[in-house]
């Protein structure tokens, strides 16, 4: 079964970048802001989000 949401570390691994790079791109507005977990406020990425970010950085 595939996970519904990925943590920042997992999304960064799929993109081939570090977690810090992922967060930096989000802060600069290169990547859209992800949804936040209502309980702990952690970033949550969908597979669709990762695909969109891969297009943005030219890896798709």
Protein backbone atom coordinates (compact mmCIF):
# COMPACT_ATOMS: atom_id res chain seq x y z
CA UNK A 1 0.00 0.00 0.00
CA UNK A 2 1.33 3.40 -0.98
CA UNK A 3 1.41 6.14 1.64
CA UNK A 4 -1.08 8.95 1.17
CA UNK A 5 1.27 11.66 2.41
CA UNK A 6 5.06 11.96 2.43
CA UNK A 7 7.13 13.77 5.05
CA UNK A 8 9.55 16.48 3.91
CA UNK A 9 12.51 14.07 4.16
CA UNK A 10 10.72 11.50 1.99
CA UNK A 11 9.64 14.05 -0.62
CA UNK A 12 13.18 15.44 -0.79
CA UNK A 13 14.56 11.94 -1.34
CA UNK A 14 12.14 11.40 -4.26
CA UNK A 15 13.26 14.73 -5.74
CA UNK A 16 16.95 13.97 -5.29
CA UNK A 17 17.58 17.04 -3.13
CA UNK A 18 18.23 17.57 0.56
CA UNK A 19 15.46 18.44 2.99
CA UNK A 20 17.08 21.86 3.48
CA UNK A 21 16.96 22.52 -0.28
CA UNK A 22 13.30 21.52 -0.37
CA UNK A 23 12.47 23.90 2.47
CA UNK A 24 14.59 26.69 0.95
CA UNK A 25 12.77 26.38 -2.41
CA UNK A 26 9.45 26.51 -0.59
CA UNK A 27 10.48 29.62 1.35
CA UNK A 28 11.64 31.37 -1.86
CA UNK A 29 8.36 30.53 -3.59
CA UNK A 30 9.85 28.14 -6.14
CA UNK A 31 7.78 25.26 -4.74
CA UNK A 32 4.19 25.71 -3.53
CA UNK A 33 3.56 25.35 0.19
CA UNK A 34 2.35 21.87 1.15
CA UNK A 35 -0.57 21.05 3.37
CA UNK A 36 0.15 20.89 7.08
CA UNK A 37 -0.79 18.10 9.47
CA UNK A 38 -3.51 19.41 11.77
CA UNK A 39 -2.05 17.75 14.85
CA UNK A 40 1.69 18.50 14.64
CA UNK A 41 1.90 21.05 11.77
CA UNK A 42 4.43 18.93 9.84
CA UNK A 43 4.52 19.37 6.07
CA UNK A 44 2.72 16.66 4.13
CA UNK A 45 3.28 16.07 0.41
CA UNK A 46 1.20 13.98 -1.97
CA UNK A 47 2.63 12.06 -4.92
CA UNK A 48 1.02 14.72 -7.11
CA UNK A 49 2.92 17.45 -5.23
CA UNK A 50 6.19 15.59 -5.80
CA UNK A 51 5.44 15.21 -9.52
CA UNK A 52 4.75 18.95 -9.83
CA UNK A 53 7.99 19.80 -8.03
CA UNK A 54 9.91 17.41 -10.29
CA UNK A 55 8.59 19.31 -13.30
CA UNK A 56 9.62 22.62 -11.74
CA UNK A 57 13.22 21.49 -11.24
CA UNK A 58 13.34 19.75 -14.62
CA UNK A 59 13.62 16.16 -13.45
CA UNK A 60 10.54 14.81 -15.17
